[in-house]
C-alpha cells in the first residue's frame, strides 16, 4: 500500500507542478486505476483490522489516544478521498472502468453538486492525507530513535515481541 500511495502522491505532485510533461502524464495516466486498487485495499485492510482488534499489541497512556486518533484520521481520509472522487466521476456522466472493468456507465446527465463536491474535496483531502502520512512517518522515527520503544518492530511484525505482549496482556 505504501508504494501505491507513493505513486499517487508523486503523480499528483507532478500533475500540480509539472503538468503536460511526459513523466507527469505517465504517472497521472494510472491515477484512477491505482486509486481504485487503494480504495479496495483500504476497505479490506480496515475490515481486517477491526476483526483483529483484540489481537493488536497493547498501547499505554495518553499516547494511545493520540495513536488511535491519528490512525482514525488516516483511515477516514483514505476512505474519503476516493469516495468523493467516485461521487465526482458518477456526477460527471463519464464512464469509470479501472483496468477495463466497467464500474460506472457513462452517458448520464451531469450532476453539478456531485462534481462540485468532488472537485472541492478530493484534492484538498488528498493533500491532508499526505500531511498525515508524513506525520505518521515522523512518529515512527520518534518511536524508534527517541523513545526506543520497539514500535517499529511491532509494526513490522516481530512475532516474538508481539506474542510476549499478548501473553502479558492476558
N, C-alpha and C. Protein backbone atom coordinates (compact mmCIF):
# COMPACT_ATOMS: atom_id res chain seq x y z
N UNK A 1 0.82 -1.19 0.00
CA UNK A 1 0.00 0.00 0.00
C UNK A 1 0.87 1.26 0.00
N UNK A 2 1.97 1.20 0.73
CA UNK A 2 2.84 2.38 0.79
C UNK A 2 3.36 2.75 -0.60
N UNK A 3 3.73 1.75 -1.38
CA UNK A 3 4.24 2.03 -2.73
C UNK A 3 3.13 2.62 -3.61
N UNK A 4 1.92 2.13 -3.47
CA UNK A 4 0.81 2.66 -4.26
C UNK A 4 0.48 4.09 -3.84
N UNK A 5 0.51 4.36 -2.53
CA UNK A 5 0.28 5.74 -2.08
C UNK A 5 1.40 6.65 -2.57
N UNK A 6 2.63 6.17 -2.53
CA UNK A 6 3.74 6.98 -3.05
C UNK A 6 3.51 7.30 -4.52
N UNK A 7 3.07 6.30 -5.29
CA UNK A 7 2.77 6.51 -6.70
C UNK A 7 1.72 7.62 -6.86
N UNK A 8 0.66 7.54 -6.08
CA UNK A 8 -0.42 8.52 -6.16
C UNK A 8 0.08 9.93 -5.83
N UNK A 9 0.86 10.05 -4.77
CA UNK A 9 1.31 11.37 -4.35
C UNK A 9 2.36 11.94 -5.31
N UNK A 10 3.22 11.09 -5.83
CA UNK A 10 4.18 11.55 -6.85
C UNK A 10 3.41 12.03 -8.08
N UNK A 11 2.44 11.24 -8.51
CA UNK A 11 1.65 11.60 -9.68
C UNK A 11 0.88 12.90 -9.48
N UNK A 12 0.26 13.05 -8.31
CA UNK A 12 -0.50 14.27 -8.02
C UNK A 12 0.41 15.49 -7.95
N UNK A 13 1.58 15.31 -7.35
CA UNK A 13 2.54 16.42 -7.26
C UNK A 13 3.02 16.82 -8.65
N UNK A 14 3.36 15.84 -9.47
CA UNK A 14 3.78 16.15 -10.84
C UNK A 14 2.65 16.80 -11.63
N UNK A 15 1.45 16.31 -11.43
CA UNK A 15 0.28 16.89 -12.12
C UNK A 15 0.09 18.36 -11.74
N UNK A 16 0.34 18.67 -10.45
CA UNK A 16 0.17 20.04 -9.98
C UNK A 16 1.32 20.95 -10.39
N UNK A 17 2.54 20.41 -10.41
CA UNK A 17 3.71 21.26 -10.62
C UNK A 17 4.33 21.16 -12.01
N UNK A 18 4.15 20.03 -12.68
CA UNK A 18 4.81 19.83 -13.98
C UNK A 18 3.85 19.21 -14.98
N UNK A 19 2.61 19.72 -14.98
CA UNK A 19 1.61 19.19 -15.90
C UNK A 19 2.10 19.34 -17.34
N UNK A 20 1.62 18.50 -18.20
CA UNK A 20 2.00 18.48 -19.63
C UNK A 20 3.46 18.07 -19.85
N UNK A 21 3.99 17.28 -18.94
CA UNK A 21 5.30 16.67 -19.17
C UNK A 21 5.07 15.16 -19.31
N UNK A 22 6.01 14.50 -19.94
CA UNK A 22 5.85 13.06 -20.19
C UNK A 22 5.79 12.28 -18.88
N UNK A 23 6.61 12.64 -17.90
CA UNK A 23 6.62 11.90 -16.65
C UNK A 23 5.32 12.14 -15.87
N UNK A 24 4.82 13.37 -15.88
CA UNK A 24 3.54 13.66 -15.21
C UNK A 24 2.41 12.90 -15.89
N UNK A 25 2.40 12.90 -17.20
CA UNK A 25 1.36 12.17 -17.94
C UNK A 25 1.43 10.68 -17.66
N UNK A 26 2.65 10.14 -17.54
CA UNK A 26 2.80 8.72 -17.25
C UNK A 26 2.18 8.37 -15.89
N UNK A 27 2.57 9.10 -14.84
CA UNK A 27 2.03 8.83 -13.52
C UNK A 27 0.53 9.10 -13.47
N UNK A 28 0.13 10.24 -14.01
CA UNK A 28 -1.28 10.65 -13.93
C UNK A 28 -2.19 9.69 -14.71
N UNK A 29 -1.65 9.07 -15.73
CA UNK A 29 -2.44 8.14 -16.53
C UNK A 29 -2.94 6.94 -15.75
N UNK A 30 -2.30 6.63 -14.64
CA UNK A 30 -2.71 5.49 -13.81
C UNK A 30 -3.40 5.92 -12.52
N UNK A 31 -3.64 7.22 -12.36
CA UNK A 31 -4.15 7.75 -11.09
C UNK A 31 -5.47 7.09 -10.68
N UNK A 32 -6.40 6.99 -11.58
CA UNK A 32 -7.71 6.40 -11.23
C UNK A 32 -7.61 4.91 -10.95
N UNK A 33 -6.84 4.20 -11.77
CA UNK A 33 -6.70 2.76 -11.57
C UNK A 33 -6.03 2.45 -10.22
N UNK A 34 -4.94 3.14 -9.94
CA UNK A 34 -4.23 2.91 -8.68
C UNK A 34 -5.10 3.36 -7.50
N UNK A 35 -5.81 4.47 -7.67
CA UNK A 35 -6.72 4.93 -6.62
C UNK A 35 -7.80 3.91 -6.31
N UNK A 36 -8.33 3.27 -7.34
CA UNK A 36 -9.35 2.24 -7.12
C UNK A 36 -8.77 1.05 -6.36
N UNK A 37 -7.57 0.61 -6.75
CA UNK A 37 -6.93 -0.50 -6.04
C UNK A 37 -6.70 -0.13 -4.58
N UNK A 38 -6.24 1.08 -4.34
CA UNK A 38 -6.04 1.52 -2.96
C UNK A 38 -7.34 1.55 -2.18
N UNK A 39 -8.41 2.03 -2.80
CA UNK A 39 -9.71 2.09 -2.13
C UNK A 39 -10.16 0.70 -1.68
N UNK A 40 -10.08 -0.26 -2.58
CA UNK A 40 -10.47 -1.63 -2.24
C UNK A 40 -9.55 -2.19 -1.16
N UNK A 41 -8.27 -1.91 -1.26
CA UNK A 41 -7.29 -2.41 -0.30
C UNK A 41 -7.51 -1.79 1.08
N UNK A 42 -7.79 -0.50 1.11
CA UNK A 42 -8.04 0.18 2.39
C UNK A 42 -9.27 -0.40 3.08
N UNK A 43 -10.32 -0.64 2.32
CA UNK A 43 -11.53 -1.22 2.91
C UNK A 43 -11.23 -2.61 3.46
N UNK A 44 -10.51 -3.42 2.68
CA UNK A 44 -10.18 -4.77 3.14
C UNK A 44 -9.27 -4.73 4.37
N UNK A 45 -8.28 -3.85 4.34
CA UNK A 45 -7.36 -3.76 5.47
C UNK A 45 -8.06 -3.22 6.71
N UNK A 46 -8.95 -2.25 6.53
CA UNK A 46 -9.72 -1.73 7.65
C UNK A 46 -10.60 -2.79 8.27
N UNK A 47 -11.26 -3.58 7.43
CA UNK A 47 -12.10 -4.67 7.93
C UNK A 47 -11.24 -5.69 8.68
N UNK A 48 -10.10 -6.03 8.12
CA UNK A 48 -9.19 -6.97 8.77
C UNK A 48 -8.73 -6.43 10.13
N UNK A 49 -8.43 -5.15 10.18
CA UNK A 49 -8.00 -4.54 11.44
C UNK A 49 -9.10 -4.56 12.48
N UNK A 50 -10.33 -4.28 12.08
CA UNK A 50 -11.45 -4.33 13.03
C UNK A 50 -11.69 -5.75 13.53
N UNK A 51 -11.62 -6.71 12.64
CA UNK A 51 -11.83 -8.11 13.03
C UNK A 51 -10.76 -8.55 14.02
N UNK A 52 -9.54 -8.07 13.85
CA UNK A 52 -8.42 -8.50 14.68
C UNK A 52 -8.03 -7.48 15.75
N UNK A 53 -8.96 -6.60 16.09
CA UNK A 53 -8.66 -5.53 17.05
C UNK A 53 -8.14 -6.08 18.39
N UNK A 54 -8.70 -7.17 18.85
CA UNK A 54 -8.30 -7.72 20.15
C UNK A 54 -6.89 -8.31 20.12
N UNK A 55 -6.39 -8.61 18.94
CA UNK A 55 -5.07 -9.23 18.83
C UNK A 55 -3.95 -8.22 18.67
N UNK A 56 -4.29 -6.94 18.64
CA UNK A 56 -3.27 -5.91 18.48
C UNK A 56 -2.46 -5.76 19.76
N UNK A 57 -1.21 -5.36 19.64
CA UNK A 57 -0.39 -5.15 20.84
C UNK A 57 -0.98 -4.02 21.68
N UNK A 58 -0.89 -4.14 22.99
CA UNK A 58 -1.44 -3.09 23.85
C UNK A 58 -0.61 -1.80 23.74
N UNK A 59 -1.33 -0.69 23.88
CA UNK A 59 -0.67 0.62 23.93
C UNK A 59 -0.98 1.22 25.29
N UNK A 60 -0.11 2.09 25.75
CA UNK A 60 -0.27 2.60 27.10
C UNK A 60 -0.37 4.11 27.12
N UNK A 61 -1.08 4.63 28.11
CA UNK A 61 -1.09 6.04 28.41
C UNK A 61 -1.81 6.92 27.41
N UNK A 62 -1.50 8.20 27.52
CA UNK A 62 -2.14 9.21 26.69
C UNK A 62 -1.75 9.05 25.22
N UNK A 63 -0.58 8.47 24.98
CA UNK A 63 -0.15 8.26 23.59
C UNK A 63 -1.10 7.33 22.85
N UNK A 64 -1.74 6.43 23.58
CA UNK A 64 -2.71 5.52 22.96
C UNK A 64 -3.84 6.32 22.30
N UNK A 65 -4.31 7.35 22.99
CA UNK A 65 -5.38 8.19 22.45
C UNK A 65 -4.91 8.89 21.18
N UNK A 66 -3.71 9.46 21.21
CA UNK A 66 -3.19 10.14 20.03
C UNK A 66 -2.97 9.17 18.88
N UNK A 67 -2.46 7.98 19.18
CA UNK A 67 -2.25 6.98 18.14
C UNK A 67 -3.57 6.58 17.51
N UNK A 68 -4.57 6.37 18.32
CA UNK A 68 -5.88 6.00 17.78
C UNK A 68 -6.48 7.12 16.94
N UNK A 69 -6.38 8.35 17.41
CA UNK A 69 -6.89 9.48 16.63
C UNK A 69 -6.15 9.63 15.31
N UNK A 70 -4.83 9.46 15.36
CA UNK A 70 -4.04 9.55 14.13
C UNK A 70 -4.42 8.47 13.12
N UNK A 71 -4.57 7.25 13.60
CA UNK A 71 -4.95 6.16 12.70
C UNK A 71 -6.38 6.33 12.20
N UNK A 72 -7.27 6.82 13.06
CA UNK A 72 -8.65 7.09 12.63
C UNK A 72 -8.66 8.15 11.54
N UNK A 73 -7.85 9.19 11.72
CA UNK A 73 -7.75 10.24 10.70
C UNK A 73 -7.21 9.71 9.38
N UNK A 74 -6.18 8.87 9.46
CA UNK A 74 -5.63 8.27 8.25
C UNK A 74 -6.68 7.45 7.51
N UNK A 75 -7.38 6.59 8.23
CA UNK A 75 -8.38 5.74 7.58
C UNK A 75 -9.56 6.57 7.07
N UNK A 76 -9.97 7.57 7.83
CA UNK A 76 -11.07 8.42 7.37
C UNK A 76 -10.72 9.09 6.04
N UNK A 77 -9.51 9.62 5.95
CA UNK A 77 -9.09 10.27 4.71
C UNK A 77 -8.85 9.27 3.59
N UNK A 78 -8.33 8.08 3.93
CA UNK A 78 -8.11 7.06 2.90
C UNK A 78 -9.43 6.57 2.31
N UNK A 79 -10.52 6.72 3.05
CA UNK A 79 -11.84 6.36 2.52
C UNK A 79 -12.50 7.57 1.86
N UNK A 80 -12.36 8.75 2.47
CA UNK A 80 -12.98 9.96 1.94
C UNK A 80 -12.46 10.33 0.56
N UNK A 81 -11.14 10.32 0.39
CA UNK A 81 -10.54 10.79 -0.86
C UNK A 81 -11.08 10.03 -2.08
N UNK A 82 -11.03 8.70 -2.10
CA UNK A 82 -11.57 8.02 -3.27
C UNK A 82 -13.10 8.06 -3.34
N UNK A 83 -13.76 8.15 -2.19
CA UNK A 83 -15.23 8.20 -2.20
C UNK A 83 -15.72 9.44 -2.93
N UNK A 84 -15.14 10.59 -2.62
CA UNK A 84 -15.59 11.81 -3.30
C UNK A 84 -15.15 11.81 -4.76
N UNK A 85 -14.05 11.13 -5.07
CA UNK A 85 -13.64 11.00 -6.48
C UNK A 85 -14.68 10.18 -7.24
N UNK A 86 -15.17 9.11 -6.61
CA UNK A 86 -16.21 8.30 -7.26
C UNK A 86 -17.52 9.07 -7.40
N UNK A 87 -17.86 9.87 -6.40
CA UNK A 87 -19.06 10.71 -6.50
C UNK A 87 -18.91 11.69 -7.66
N UNK A 88 -17.74 12.31 -7.74
CA UNK A 88 -17.49 13.25 -8.84
C UNK A 88 -17.55 12.53 -10.18
N UNK A 89 -16.96 11.36 -10.27
CA UNK A 89 -16.97 10.60 -11.52
C UNK A 89 -18.40 10.26 -11.94
N UNK A 90 -19.19 9.78 -10.99
CA UNK A 90 -20.58 9.44 -11.29
C UNK A 90 -21.35 10.69 -11.74
N UNK A 91 -21.14 11.79 -11.05
CA UNK A 91 -21.83 13.04 -11.38
C UNK A 91 -21.39 13.65 -12.70
N UNK A 92 -20.22 13.26 -13.19
CA UNK A 92 -19.73 13.82 -14.45
C UNK A 92 -20.45 13.23 -15.66
N UNK A 93 -21.09 12.08 -15.47
CA UNK A 93 -21.73 11.41 -16.60
C UNK A 93 -20.77 10.62 -17.47
N UNK A 94 -19.50 10.60 -17.09
CA UNK A 94 -18.50 9.85 -17.84
C UNK A 94 -18.32 8.46 -17.25
N UNK A 95 -17.86 7.51 -18.05
CA UNK A 95 -17.67 6.15 -17.52
C UNK A 95 -16.45 6.06 -16.62
N UNK A 96 -16.44 5.03 -15.80
CA UNK A 96 -15.28 4.72 -14.96
C UNK A 96 -15.04 3.23 -15.10
N UNK A 97 -13.89 2.88 -15.65
CA UNK A 97 -13.56 1.48 -15.91
C UNK A 97 -12.10 1.20 -15.55
N UNK A 98 -11.82 1.07 -14.24
CA UNK A 98 -10.43 0.78 -13.87
C UNK A 98 -10.02 -0.59 -14.41
N UNK A 99 -8.85 -0.60 -15.04
CA UNK A 99 -8.30 -1.81 -15.65
C UNK A 99 -9.28 -2.45 -16.64
N UNK A 100 -10.12 -1.61 -17.25
CA UNK A 100 -11.06 -2.09 -18.26
C UNK A 100 -12.33 -2.70 -17.70
N UNK A 101 -12.51 -2.67 -16.39
CA UNK A 101 -13.71 -3.22 -15.76
C UNK A 101 -14.71 -2.08 -15.59
N UNK A 102 -15.81 -2.14 -16.31
CA UNK A 102 -16.81 -1.06 -16.28
C UNK A 102 -17.53 -1.05 -14.94
N UNK A 103 -17.28 -0.02 -14.14
CA UNK A 103 -17.95 0.14 -12.85
C UNK A 103 -19.03 1.20 -12.91
N UNK A 104 -18.79 2.26 -13.68
CA UNK A 104 -19.78 3.32 -13.85
C UNK A 104 -19.97 3.51 -15.35
N UNK A 105 -21.19 3.33 -15.78
CA UNK A 105 -21.51 3.54 -17.20
C UNK A 105 -21.56 5.04 -17.47
N UNK A 106 -21.10 5.44 -18.62
CA UNK A 106 -21.14 6.84 -18.99
C UNK A 106 -22.44 7.19 -19.69
N UNK A 107 -22.56 8.44 -20.07
CA UNK A 107 -23.70 8.88 -20.85
C UNK A 107 -24.83 9.48 -20.04
N UNK A 108 -24.70 9.47 -18.72
CA UNK A 108 -25.75 10.07 -17.90
C UNK A 108 -25.64 11.58 -17.87
N UNK A 109 -26.62 12.21 -17.30
CA UNK A 109 -26.60 13.66 -17.18
C UNK A 109 -25.59 14.09 -16.11
N UNK A 110 -25.02 15.24 -16.32
CA UNK A 110 -24.08 15.81 -15.36
C UNK A 110 -24.87 16.29 -14.13
N UNK A 111 -24.37 15.92 -12.97
CA UNK A 111 -24.99 16.34 -11.70
C UNK A 111 -24.00 17.30 -11.04
N UNK A 112 -24.36 18.57 -11.06
CA UNK A 112 -23.42 19.62 -10.68
C UNK A 112 -22.94 19.50 -9.23
N UNK A 113 -23.83 19.19 -8.29
CA UNK A 113 -23.39 19.14 -6.90
C UNK A 113 -22.38 18.02 -6.68
N UNK A 114 -22.51 16.93 -7.43
CA UNK A 114 -21.57 15.81 -7.29
C UNK A 114 -20.19 16.19 -7.81
N UNK A 115 -20.15 16.84 -8.95
CA UNK A 115 -18.86 17.23 -9.50
C UNK A 115 -18.23 18.34 -8.66
N UNK A 116 -19.05 19.26 -8.15
CA UNK A 116 -18.53 20.34 -7.31
C UNK A 116 -17.96 19.79 -6.01
N UNK A 117 -18.68 18.84 -5.39
CA UNK A 117 -18.20 18.23 -4.15
C UNK A 117 -16.86 17.54 -4.38
N UNK A 118 -16.79 16.74 -5.42
CA UNK A 118 -15.55 16.04 -5.72
C UNK A 118 -14.41 16.98 -6.02
N UNK A 119 -14.70 18.02 -6.78
CA UNK A 119 -13.65 18.98 -7.13
C UNK A 119 -13.16 19.75 -5.90
N UNK A 120 -14.05 20.04 -4.98
CA UNK A 120 -13.68 20.78 -3.78
C UNK A 120 -12.92 19.91 -2.78
N UNK A 121 -13.36 18.66 -2.60
CA UNK A 121 -12.85 17.85 -1.51
C UNK A 121 -11.71 16.92 -1.91
N UNK A 122 -11.75 16.32 -3.09
CA UNK A 122 -10.80 15.26 -3.44
C UNK A 122 -9.34 15.70 -3.29
N UNK A 123 -8.95 16.73 -3.96
CA UNK A 123 -7.54 17.15 -3.92
C UNK A 123 -7.15 17.67 -2.53
N UNK A 124 -8.01 18.50 -1.93
CA UNK A 124 -7.68 19.05 -0.61
C UNK A 124 -7.55 17.95 0.44
N UNK A 125 -8.46 16.99 0.43
CA UNK A 125 -8.37 15.88 1.37
C UNK A 125 -7.16 15.01 1.06
N UNK A 126 -6.82 14.88 -0.22
CA UNK A 126 -5.63 14.13 -0.60
C UNK A 126 -4.36 14.75 -0.05
N UNK A 127 -4.25 16.08 -0.12
CA UNK A 127 -3.07 16.75 0.44
C UNK A 127 -3.06 16.64 1.95
N UNK A 128 -4.23 16.69 2.59
CA UNK A 128 -4.30 16.49 4.04
C UNK A 128 -3.85 15.07 4.40
N UNK A 129 -4.24 14.09 3.59
CA UNK A 129 -3.79 12.72 3.79
C UNK A 129 -2.28 12.63 3.70
N UNK A 130 -1.70 13.30 2.73
CA UNK A 130 -0.24 13.29 2.59
C UNK A 130 0.42 13.88 3.84
N UNK A 131 -0.15 14.95 4.38
CA UNK A 131 0.40 15.55 5.61
C UNK A 131 0.33 14.55 6.77
N UNK A 132 -0.79 13.83 6.88
CA UNK A 132 -0.90 12.82 7.94
C UNK A 132 0.08 11.67 7.73
N UNK A 133 0.31 11.30 6.48
CA UNK A 133 1.28 10.25 6.18
C UNK A 133 2.67 10.68 6.64
N UNK A 134 3.03 11.94 6.36
CA UNK A 134 4.32 12.44 6.84
C UNK A 134 4.37 12.47 8.36
N UNK A 135 3.26 12.84 9.00
CA UNK A 135 3.19 12.81 10.46
C UNK A 135 3.34 11.41 11.01
N UNK A 136 2.71 10.45 10.34
CA UNK A 136 2.81 9.05 10.74
C UNK A 136 4.26 8.58 10.64
N UNK A 137 4.92 8.90 9.54
CA UNK A 137 6.32 8.51 9.36
C UNK A 137 7.21 9.19 10.40
N UNK A 138 6.91 10.44 10.72
CA UNK A 138 7.69 11.15 11.74
C UNK A 138 7.53 10.48 13.10
N UNK A 139 6.33 10.02 13.41
CA UNK A 139 6.11 9.34 14.68
C UNK A 139 6.84 8.01 14.74
N UNK A 140 6.94 7.33 13.62
CA UNK A 140 7.72 6.09 13.59
C UNK A 140 9.18 6.39 13.94
N UNK A 141 9.72 7.45 13.37
CA UNK A 141 11.10 7.83 13.66
C UNK A 141 11.25 8.21 15.14
N UNK A 142 10.30 8.97 15.67
CA UNK A 142 10.35 9.36 17.08
C UNK A 142 10.32 8.13 17.98
N UNK A 143 9.40 7.20 17.67
CA UNK A 143 9.33 5.97 18.46
C UNK A 143 10.64 5.19 18.41
N UNK A 144 11.23 5.12 17.23
CA UNK A 144 12.43 4.30 17.04
C UNK A 144 13.68 4.97 17.60
N UNK A 145 13.87 6.25 17.30
CA UNK A 145 15.13 6.93 17.62
C UNK A 145 15.12 7.56 19.01
N UNK A 146 14.02 8.19 19.38
CA UNK A 146 13.99 8.93 20.64
C UNK A 146 13.47 8.06 21.79
N UNK A 147 12.30 7.47 21.60
CA UNK A 147 11.69 6.71 22.69
C UNK A 147 12.20 5.27 22.75
N UNK A 148 12.70 4.76 21.66
CA UNK A 148 13.26 3.39 21.60
C UNK A 148 12.33 2.37 22.26
N UNK A 149 11.06 2.37 21.81
CA UNK A 149 10.06 1.52 22.45
C UNK A 149 9.61 0.34 21.60
N UNK A 150 10.37 -0.02 20.60
CA UNK A 150 10.10 -1.20 19.76
C UNK A 150 8.81 -1.11 18.95
N UNK A 151 8.27 0.07 18.77
CA UNK A 151 7.05 0.21 17.97
C UNK A 151 7.29 -0.24 16.54
N UNK A 152 8.43 0.11 15.98
CA UNK A 152 8.74 -0.29 14.61
C UNK A 152 8.79 -1.80 14.48
N UNK A 153 9.36 -2.47 15.45
CA UNK A 153 9.41 -3.93 15.42
C UNK A 153 8.00 -4.52 15.45
N UNK A 154 7.12 -3.93 16.26
CA UNK A 154 5.73 -4.41 16.30
C UNK A 154 5.03 -4.15 14.97
N UNK A 155 5.27 -2.98 14.39
CA UNK A 155 4.64 -2.65 13.10
C UNK A 155 5.13 -3.60 12.01
N UNK A 156 6.39 -3.95 12.07
CA UNK A 156 6.98 -4.81 11.04
C UNK A 156 6.64 -6.27 11.26
N UNK A 157 5.96 -6.57 12.35
CA UNK A 157 5.52 -7.94 12.57
C UNK A 157 6.48 -8.80 13.34
N UNK A 158 7.23 -8.23 14.26
CA UNK A 158 8.12 -9.01 15.10
C UNK A 158 7.27 -9.95 15.95
N UNK A 159 7.15 -11.17 15.51
CA UNK A 159 6.22 -12.13 16.09
C UNK A 159 6.57 -12.45 17.54
N UNK A 160 7.84 -12.62 17.85
CA UNK A 160 8.23 -12.96 19.22
C UNK A 160 7.81 -11.85 20.18
N UNK A 161 8.07 -10.60 19.81
CA UNK A 161 7.71 -9.46 20.66
C UNK A 161 6.20 -9.38 20.80
N UNK A 162 5.47 -9.54 19.71
CA UNK A 162 4.01 -9.45 19.73
C UNK A 162 3.41 -10.55 20.59
N UNK A 163 3.91 -11.78 20.49
CA UNK A 163 3.38 -12.88 21.29
C UNK A 163 3.62 -12.65 22.77
N UNK A 164 4.79 -12.14 23.12
CA UNK A 164 5.06 -11.90 24.54
C UNK A 164 4.16 -10.79 25.08
N UNK A 165 3.88 -9.77 24.26
CA UNK A 165 2.98 -8.68 24.70
C UNK A 165 1.56 -9.20 24.86
N UNK A 166 1.11 -10.03 23.94
CA UNK A 166 -0.25 -10.57 24.04
C UNK A 166 -0.38 -11.45 25.28
N UNK A 167 0.65 -12.23 25.58
CA UNK A 167 0.61 -13.08 26.76
C UNK A 167 0.62 -12.22 28.03
N UNK A 168 1.38 -11.14 28.04
CA UNK A 168 1.43 -10.25 29.19
C UNK A 168 0.10 -9.55 29.40
N UNK A 169 -0.61 -9.24 28.33
CA UNK A 169 -1.90 -8.55 28.41
C UNK A 169 -3.00 -9.46 28.95
N UNK A 170 -2.85 -10.76 28.73
CA UNK A 170 -3.87 -11.72 29.19
C UNK A 170 -3.69 -11.96 30.64
